Amino acid sequence: MIRKEFIDFCVEQPKEYFLDKIVQMRIESENRIPPEVQLEFRKLDNDTTVEEYFLETPWATKYGIKSHVYVVKKCTGNSLSPVLINIHGGGWSLPHTERDTYFCRRIANRSGYLIIDIDYVLAPEYPYPAAIEEIEAVLNILPDWLPTLGGDVNNITLCGQSAGGNLLAAVMQRKQYSKSLNIQRQILCYLPTDNYTDKYHGEELNQRALSTEHYGFFYNPVFEDRKKPDVSLVYATADDLREIPKSDFILAGLDELCPEGIEYCELLRANGIETTLRVFENSRHGFLVNLYDEFQEAEDYLLSIL
């Protein structure tokens, strides 16, 4: 099946098809984490704390659910700490997992940052733009909430993994978040930036490509929505990119998303945004949170730019 055939097929399917499909894909994703890697996730239990919060926001009131975040801290008695806000990946459709919390624990333990880990709503149950709007709503209550957690609103870093990087960059472009947050930079890790263009050039979709295309359709059941700049970031205008914070790109050289990540980096540079770009040439997609390839080198690099 080629991409156009796949999209035409999806358009004809009832919503129940996608709800059944995502349940299957979520189970398969969880089963892909090797047992020895899962054991790693508990190694910082005595060095960091993880607290769960369900936040009341205008967005949450609208949808009848509360926004879910994790607060990760190093076990110290520090006063106000710099803050890193993390947005996990998973094709806009896969849930927050222990691997995401463990990433936040590692960063908190090594940096002393307070981590706010946003567990946003997922597609296809909540398609575009629900996740973007929820992240914006959480950011808008943080100026009042962070000081009660020991977080410094004047020292904020944002970090997004894969689809989370796409959501983060979309939030920055839309500019609907509180300006009371002093955002120093956004760190964008192996993110999709063009969900509209056919990457397969009319060729047959392999299994990974089919999974990727399913995620895209879960998030954007109206295909033409993918051309919007808060979905396909490379379509952003100069006005969209105005006031974007310094942007650091961490990309994987063996990832099919690497070229479009570079394209978005170059677009930011062309519009006067300060950027850094680091490509880990021998790494696959998701390596920073999945603990393979050059994840340790990438983590060291991330900490060096905080």
Protein backbone atom coordinates (compact mmCIF):
# COMPACT_ATOMS: atom_id res chain seq x y z
CA MET A 1 0.00 0.00 0.00
CA ILE A 2 1.29 3.46 -0.90
CA ARG A 3 0.60 6.55 1.20
CA LYS A 4 -2.31 7.91 -0.85
CA GLU A 5 -4.06 4.54 -0.73
CA PHE A 6 -3.51 4.43 3.03
CA ILE A 7 -4.98 7.91 3.56
CA ASP A 8 -7.97 7.13 1.33
CA PHE A 9 -8.51 3.92 3.32
CA CYS A 10 -8.37 5.79 6.66
CA VAL A 11 -10.86 8.42 5.52
CA GLU A 12 -13.45 5.67 4.95
CA GLN A 13 -13.02 4.02 8.38
CA PRO A 14 -15.36 4.63 11.35
CA LYS A 15 -13.93 6.09 14.55
CA GLU A 16 -14.14 2.66 16.20
CA TYR A 17 -11.49 1.35 13.81
CA PHE A 18 -8.93 3.85 15.09
CA LEU A 19 -9.85 3.30 18.73
CA ASP A 20 -9.30 -0.45 18.32
CA LYS A 21 -6.08 0.12 16.38
CA ILE A 22 -4.51 2.40 18.97
CA VAL A 23 -5.21 -0.06 21.78
CA GLN A 24 -3.25 -2.68 19.84
CA MET A 25 -0.41 -0.26 19.08
CA ARG A 26 -0.14 0.83 22.71
CA ILE A 27 0.18 -2.77 23.86
CA GLU A 28 2.83 -3.47 21.21
CA SER A 29 4.77 -0.36 22.23
CA GLU A 30 4.82 -1.36 25.90
CA ASN A 31 6.00 -4.86 25.01
CA ARG A 32 8.96 -3.47 23.04
CA ILE A 33 10.73 -2.27 26.19
CA PRO A 34 13.21 -5.05 27.18
CA PRO A 35 12.99 -6.32 30.80
CA GLU A 36 16.60 -5.30 31.49
CA VAL A 37 15.79 -1.74 30.43
CA GLN A 38 12.68 -1.69 32.61
CA LEU A 39 14.87 -2.52 35.63
CA GLU A 40 16.82 0.69 34.98
CA PHE A 41 13.73 2.80 35.59
CA ARG A 42 13.81 2.25 39.39
CA LYS A 43 17.48 3.07 39.96
CA LEU A 44 16.91 6.65 41.12
CA ASP A 45 14.06 5.94 43.55
CA ASN A 46 16.20 6.98 46.52
CA ASP A 47 17.74 10.02 44.84
CA THR A 48 14.69 11.73 43.36
CA THR A 49 11.03 12.14 44.22
CA VAL A 50 8.11 11.92 41.80
CA GLU A 51 4.77 13.48 42.71
CA GLU A 52 1.59 13.30 40.62
CA TYR A 53 -0.78 16.23 40.31
CA PHE A 54 -4.13 16.62 38.56
CA LEU A 55 -4.53 20.28 37.73
CA GLU A 56 -7.65 22.38 37.31
CA THR A 57 -7.28 24.53 34.21
CA PRO A 58 -9.84 26.24 31.93
CA TRP A 59 -8.96 23.62 29.32
CA ALA A 60 -9.56 20.79 31.79
CA THR A 61 -12.91 22.26 32.79
CA LYS A 62 -13.94 22.45 29.12
CA TYR A 63 -13.17 18.75 28.53
CA GLY A 64 -14.35 17.50 31.92
CA ILE A 65 -10.96 16.04 32.87
CA LYS A 66 -8.03 17.32 34.90
CA SER A 67 -4.59 17.89 33.41
CA HIS A 68 -2.04 15.35 34.67
CA VAL A 69 1.57 16.31 35.41
CA TYR A 70 4.48 14.73 37.24
CA VAL A 71 6.79 16.84 39.39
CA VAL A 72 10.28 15.36 39.65
CA LYS A 73 12.81 16.70 42.18
CA LYS A 74 16.25 15.82 43.42
CA CYS A 75 16.18 14.95 47.12
CA THR A 76 17.73 18.17 48.43
CA GLY A 77 16.57 21.15 50.44
CA ASN A 78 17.36 23.76 47.80
CA SER A 79 15.41 26.99 47.60
CA LEU A 80 14.12 28.10 44.19
CA SER A 81 15.41 25.78 41.47
CA PRO A 82 15.62 26.28 37.72
CA VAL A 83 12.80 24.45 35.94
CA LEU A 84 12.71 22.08 32.98
CA ILE A 85 9.30 21.35 31.46
CA ASN A 86 9.31 18.04 29.59
CA ILE A 87 6.85 16.88 26.93
CA HIS A 88 7.09 13.19 26.07
CA GLY A 89 6.93 11.57 22.65
CA GLY A 90 4.87 8.72 21.25
CA GLY A 91 3.32 9.78 17.97
CA TRP A 92 0.76 12.01 19.75
CA SER A 93 -0.91 8.70 20.65
CA LEU A 94 1.22 6.60 23.03
CA PRO A 95 0.98 7.23 26.77
CA HIS A 96 3.50 8.61 29.20
CA THR A 97 5.58 5.73 30.59
CA GLU A 98 8.23 5.00 33.22
CA ARG A 99 10.92 5.59 30.61
CA ASP A 100 9.78 9.22 30.40
CA THR A 101 9.82 9.58 34.19
CA TYR A 102 13.25 7.97 34.33
CA PHE A 103 14.57 10.48 31.79
CA CYS A 104 13.26 13.28 34.02
CA ARG A 105 14.77 11.62 37.11
CA ARG A 106 18.19 11.45 35.44
CA ILE A 107 18.08 15.11 34.45
CA ALA A 108 16.81 16.20 37.89
CA ASN A 109 19.46 14.15 39.67
CA ARG A 110 22.35 15.41 37.56
CA SER A 111 21.28 19.05 37.21
CA GLY A 112 19.28 19.94 40.30
CA TYR A 113 16.47 21.22 38.07
CA LEU A 114 12.85 20.89 39.11
CA ILE A 115 11.09 18.93 36.33
CA ILE A 116 7.47 19.42 35.30
CA ASP A 117 6.57 16.42 33.12
CA ILE A 118 3.30 17.06 31.25
CA ASP A 119 1.15 13.99 30.55
CA TYR A 120 -1.02 15.50 27.81
CA VAL A 121 -4.16 13.96 26.29
CA LEU A 122 -3.70 11.53 23.42
CA ALA A 123 -5.04 10.99 19.92
CA PRO A 124 -7.20 9.51 18.48
CA GLU A 125 -9.40 10.06 21.54
CA TYR A 126 -8.32 13.72 21.58
CA PRO A 127 -7.06 14.75 18.12
CA TYR A 128 -5.41 18.04 17.11
CA PRO A 129 -5.35 20.62 18.64
CA ALA A 130 -6.34 19.21 22.07
CA ALA A 131 -2.81 18.34 23.25
CA ILE A 132 -1.45 21.74 22.20
CA GLU A 133 -4.23 23.55 24.02
CA GLU A 134 -3.74 21.47 27.16
CA ILE A 135 -0.01 22.21 27.27
CA GLU A 136 -0.78 25.90 26.83
CA ALA A 137 -3.28 25.73 29.71
CA VAL A 138 -0.72 24.10 32.01
CA LEU A 139 1.91 26.71 31.10
CA ASN A 140 -0.59 29.45 31.91
CA ILE A 141 -1.05 28.32 35.53
CA LEU A 142 2.64 27.65 36.19
CA PRO A 143 3.62 31.24 37.14
CA ASP A 144 1.46 31.00 40.26
CA TRP A 145 2.08 27.32 40.98
CA LEU A 146 5.82 26.91 40.43
CA PRO A 147 6.98 28.97 43.44
CA THR A 148 4.95 26.70 45.74
CA LEU A 149 6.99 23.77 44.39
CA GLY A 150 10.31 25.58 44.73
CA GLY A 151 10.57 26.41 41.02
CA ASP A 152 11.99 29.63 39.61
CA VAL A 153 9.67 31.21 37.02
CA ASN A 154 12.60 33.31 35.81
CA ASN A 155 14.65 30.31 34.72
CA ILE A 156 12.57 28.00 32.51
CA THR A 157 13.82 25.48 29.92
CA LEU A 158 11.46 23.47 27.71
CA CYS A 159 12.26 20.01 26.32
CA GLY A 160 10.24 17.95 23.84
CA GLN A 161 10.86 14.41 22.62
CA SER A 162 9.67 13.36 19.13
CA ALA A 163 5.95 14.22 18.89
CA GLY A 164 6.42 16.09 22.17
CA GLY A 165 9.00 18.26 20.41
CA ASN A 166 6.45 18.94 17.68
CA LEU A 167 3.87 19.95 20.29
CA LEU A 168 6.39 22.12 22.14
CA ALA A 169 7.46 23.98 19.00
CA ALA A 170 3.79 24.46 18.07
CA VAL A 171 3.09 26.01 21.48
CA MET A 172 6.03 28.38 21.05
CA GLN A 173 4.80 29.44 17.60
CA ARG A 174 1.20 30.02 18.75
CA LYS A 175 2.31 32.28 21.65
CA GLN A 176 -0.76 31.52 23.80
CA TYR A 177 1.30 30.75 26.92
CA SER A 178 1.94 33.04 29.88
CA LYS A 179 4.64 35.64 29.32
CA SER A 180 5.27 35.54 33.08
CA LEU A 181 7.43 32.48 32.40
CA ASN A 182 10.97 33.52 31.54
CA ILE A 183 11.74 30.82 28.97
CA GLN A 184 15.45 30.57 28.33
CA ARG A 185 15.38 27.98 25.54
CA GLN A 186 13.55 25.06 23.96
CA ILE A 187 15.34 21.75 23.42
CA LEU A 188 13.83 19.85 20.48
CA CYS A 189 14.73 16.16 20.25
CA TYR A 190 14.26 14.18 16.99
CA LEU A 191 10.95 15.86 16.25
CA PRO A 192 8.64 15.56 13.22
CA THR A 193 8.32 18.94 11.49
CA ASP A 194 6.53 18.05 8.23
CA ASN A 195 3.48 15.83 8.58
CA TYR A 196 2.05 16.83 5.20
CA THR A 197 4.68 15.85 2.63
CA ASP A 198 4.95 12.27 1.37
CA LYS A 199 8.33 11.08 2.68
CA TYR A 200 8.03 7.80 0.79
CA HIS A 201 7.83 9.25 -2.74
CA GLY A 202 4.93 7.01 -3.73
CA GLU A 203 6.76 3.82 -2.73
CA GLU A 204 5.25 0.93 -0.79
CA LEU A 205 4.93 1.60 2.95
CA ASN A 206 6.89 -0.78 5.18
CA GLN A 207 5.71 -1.67 8.69
CA ARG A 208 7.42 1.28 10.39
CA ALA A 209 6.06 3.67 7.77
CA LEU A 210 2.54 2.32 8.31
CA SER A 211 2.88 2.91 12.06
CA THR A 212 4.07 6.46 11.43
CA GLU A 213 1.18 7.13 9.07
CA HIS A 214 -1.30 5.72 11.58
CA TYR A 215 0.00 8.14 14.21
CA GLY A 216 -0.37 10.99 11.76
CA PHE A 217 -3.95 10.07 11.00
CA PHE A 218 -4.81 9.58 14.68
CA TYR A 219 -3.62 13.13 15.35
CA ASN A 220 -5.00 14.75 12.18
CA PRO A 221 -8.06 12.89 10.86
CA VAL A 222 -8.65 15.93 8.63
CA PHE A 223 -5.64 15.57 6.36
CA GLU A 224 -5.48 19.21 5.23
CA ASP A 225 -5.00 20.25 8.88
CA ARG A 226 -1.48 18.85 8.54
CA LYS A 227 -0.49 21.84 6.45
CA LYS A 228 -1.10 24.20 9.37
CA PRO A 229 2.13 25.58 10.86
CA ASP A 230 1.31 24.27 14.35
CA VAL A 231 1.24 20.75 12.87
CA SER A 232 3.85 20.89 10.11
CA LEU A 233 6.28 23.37 11.61
CA VAL A 234 8.20 23.94 8.37
CA TYR A 235 5.15 25.84 7.04
CA ALA A 236 5.61 28.52 9.71
CA THR A 237 5.66 32.15 8.61
CA ALA A 238 7.97 34.88 9.85
CA ASP A 239 5.20 36.05 12.18
CA ASP A 240 4.78 32.52 13.59
CA LEU A 241 8.49 32.48 14.40
CA ARG A 242 8.60 35.90 16.03
CA GLU A 243 9.81 35.78 19.65
CA ILE A 244 10.71 32.07 19.51
CA PRO A 245 13.24 31.37 22.30
CA LYS A 246 16.72 30.04 21.66
CA SER A 247 16.28 26.58 20.15
CA ASP A 248 18.61 23.61 20.60
CA PHE A 249 18.15 20.61 18.32
CA ILE A 250 19.20 17.08 19.33
CA LEU A 251 18.71 14.82 16.30
CA ALA A 252 19.44 11.18 15.46
CA GLY A 253 21.46 10.55 12.31
CA LEU A 254 19.81 7.16 11.65
CA ASP A 255 16.31 8.60 12.00
CA GLU A 256 14.17 9.31 8.94
CA LEU A 257 13.01 12.48 10.72
CA CYS A 258 16.54 13.91 10.85
CA PRO A 259 16.37 15.84 7.54
CA GLU A 260 13.14 17.61 8.45
CA GLY A 261 14.53 18.46 11.89
CA ILE A 262 17.48 20.12 10.15
CA GLU A 263 15.07 21.88 7.79
CA TYR A 264 13.18 23.41 10.71
CA CYS A 265 16.43 24.42 12.41
CA GLU A 266 17.50 26.20 9.22
CA LEU A 267 14.10 27.92 9.00
CA LEU A 268 14.52 29.29 12.52
CA ARG A 269 18.03 30.50 11.72
CA ALA A 270 16.80 32.21 8.55
CA ASN A 271 14.30 34.11 10.71
CA GLY A 272 16.90 35.31 13.19
CA ILE A 273 16.34 32.73 15.95
CA GLU A 274 19.47 31.65 17.79
CA THR A 275 19.89 27.89 17.37
CA THR A 276 22.31 25.08 18.04
CA LEU A 277 22.25 21.77 16.16
CA ARG A 278 23.76 18.48 17.29
CA VAL A 279 23.25 15.34 15.21
CA PHE A 280 24.21 12.05 16.86
CA GLU A 281 25.11 10.25 13.68
CA ASN A 282 25.00 6.66 15.00
CA SER A 283 21.68 6.90 16.83
CA ARG A 284 18.12 5.90 16.06
CA HIS A 285 14.88 7.71 16.78
CA GLY A 286 14.05 8.01 20.50
CA PHE A 287 17.53 7.06 21.68
CA LEU A 288 17.67 9.62 24.50
CA VAL A 289 14.75 8.13 26.43
CA ASN A 290 15.06 4.52 25.22
CA LEU A 291 18.60 4.09 26.59
CA TYR A 292 20.30 2.90 23.42
CA ASP A 293 22.92 4.09 20.91
CA GLU A 294 24.53 7.40 21.96
CA PHE A 295 22.00 8.25 24.69
CA GLN A 296 24.66 8.88 27.33
CA GLU A 297 26.57 11.29 25.09
CA ALA A 298 23.32 13.05 24.23
CA GLU A 299 22.35 13.34 27.88
CA ASP A 300 25.76 14.83 28.69
CA TYR A 301 25.27 17.30 25.87
CA LEU A 302 21.77 18.24 27.02
CA LEU A 303 23.05 18.93 30.52
CA SER A 304 25.88 21.05 29.11
CA ILE A 305 23.44 23.45 27.43
CA LEU A 306 21.06 23.88 30.37
